[in-house]
Amino acid sequence: MDLDNTEIEHLASLVRITLSAVDIDTLKDQLPKILEQFELLNEVDTSDISPTGHAVNVESVMRQDELRTPLSTDEVLSNVPNVLGDHIRVKTVLEE
């Protein structure tokens, strides 16, 4: 498989890298050889292997959501460093 400069530049844009003219010439020789190696994978018999999304079983480490009684206003405000009445006071983000 021969690749021209336009194809290599397109591949570089897809992976968001900038290539010099020297890099493009180097890749013009190397990429076809790399792609040939991947073609060897087509020769492997995978008919007895079921497709997987992950190589290992993935389990969630998050706890289940449980319905609980909410904290009272006083309990919430007891953990806040700056209170104004029944509200949490924060630094000004937007000024009018």
Protein backbone atom coordinates (compact mmCIF):
# COMPACT_ATOMS: atom_id res chain seq x y z
CA MET A 1 0.00 0.00 0.00
CA ASP A 2 1.48 3.30 -1.05
CA LEU A 3 0.48 6.45 0.75
CA ASP A 4 0.88 9.90 -0.69
CA ASN A 5 1.65 13.12 1.21
CA THR A 6 -2.01 14.16 1.28
CA GLU A 7 -3.06 10.92 3.01
CA ILE A 8 -0.28 11.21 5.58
CA GLU A 9 -1.17 14.84 6.27
CA HIS A 10 -4.82 13.82 6.68
CA LEU A 11 -3.85 11.11 9.18
CA ALA A 12 -1.72 13.65 11.05
CA SER A 13 -4.68 16.03 11.27
CA LEU A 14 -6.89 13.25 12.63
CA VAL A 15 -4.47 12.60 15.50
CA ARG A 16 -3.81 16.33 15.86
CA ILE A 17 -0.06 16.32 15.25
CA THR A 18 2.05 18.52 13.03
CA LEU A 19 4.53 16.84 10.71
CA SER A 20 7.50 18.35 8.96
CA ALA A 21 8.38 17.44 5.38
CA VAL A 22 11.07 15.09 6.72
CA ASP A 23 8.52 13.40 9.01
CA ILE A 24 6.13 12.93 6.09
CA ASP A 25 8.87 11.32 3.97
CA THR A 26 9.82 9.01 6.84
CA LEU A 27 6.22 7.99 7.43
CA LYS A 28 5.67 7.45 3.72
CA ASP A 29 8.14 4.56 4.00
CA GLN A 30 7.20 3.32 7.49
CA LEU A 31 3.39 3.41 7.52
CA PRO A 32 2.88 0.80 4.78
CA LYS A 33 5.16 -1.60 6.68
CA ILE A 34 3.24 -0.98 9.90
CA LEU A 35 -0.09 -1.56 8.17
CA GLU A 36 1.21 -4.83 6.69
CA GLN A 37 1.88 -6.06 10.23
CA PHE A 38 -1.74 -5.38 11.15
CA GLU A 39 -2.87 -7.40 8.13
CA LEU A 40 -1.33 -10.45 9.83
CA LEU A 41 -4.08 -10.19 12.44
CA ASN A 42 -6.63 -11.02 9.76
CA GLU A 43 -5.06 -14.48 9.51
CA VAL A 44 -5.85 -15.31 13.15
CA ASP A 45 -8.91 -17.56 13.57
CA THR A 46 -11.28 -15.75 15.94
CA SER A 47 -14.45 -17.68 15.07
CA ASP A 48 -14.66 -19.29 18.55
CA ILE A 49 -14.04 -16.04 20.41
CA SER A 50 -16.96 -13.89 21.47
CA PRO A 51 -16.63 -10.13 21.12
CA THR A 52 -15.93 -8.23 24.31
CA GLY A 53 -16.00 -4.59 25.30
CA HIS A 54 -13.28 -5.04 27.90
CA ALA A 55 -10.49 -7.54 28.38
CA VAL A 56 -11.53 -8.03 32.02
CA ASN A 57 -14.87 -7.89 33.82
CA VAL A 58 -15.70 -4.32 34.75
CA GLU A 59 -17.67 -3.70 37.90
CA SER A 60 -18.91 -0.40 39.20
CA VAL A 61 -17.28 0.71 42.44
CA MET A 62 -19.98 3.30 43.07
CA ARG A 63 -22.52 2.66 45.80
CA GLN A 64 -26.19 2.32 45.01
CA ASP A 65 -28.30 5.43 45.43
CA GLU A 66 -30.45 5.18 48.52
CA LEU A 67 -33.36 7.35 49.52
CA ARG A 68 -32.55 9.10 52.82
CA THR A 69 -34.00 11.85 54.92
CA PRO A 70 -32.41 15.15 53.84
CA LEU A 71 -30.31 17.19 56.25
CA SER A 72 -31.98 20.07 58.02
CA THR A 73 -30.98 23.64 57.19
CA ASP A 74 -29.15 23.92 60.51
CA GLU A 75 -27.18 20.72 59.83
CA VAL A 76 -26.13 21.94 56.39
CA LEU A 77 -25.18 25.41 57.59
CA SER A 78 -23.13 23.97 60.46
CA ASN A 79 -20.60 22.76 57.84
CA VAL A 80 -20.37 26.05 55.95
CA PRO A 81 -17.58 28.57 56.67
CA ASN A 82 -19.56 31.68 55.67
CA VAL A 83 -23.31 32.01 56.38
CA LEU A 84 -25.69 34.92 55.82
CA GLY A 85 -29.03 34.24 57.53
CA ASP A 86 -30.31 30.90 56.20
CA HIS A 87 -28.08 31.05 53.11
CA ILE A 88 -24.55 30.00 52.20
CA ARG A 89 -22.48 33.05 51.43
CA VAL A 90 -20.00 32.70 48.55
CA LYS A 91 -17.56 35.08 46.87
CA THR A 92 -19.00 37.27 44.14
CA VAL A 93 -18.64 35.62 40.75
CA LEU A 94 -20.44 38.09 38.52
CA GLU A 95 -20.91 41.72 39.32
CA GLU A 96 -23.84 43.74 38.07
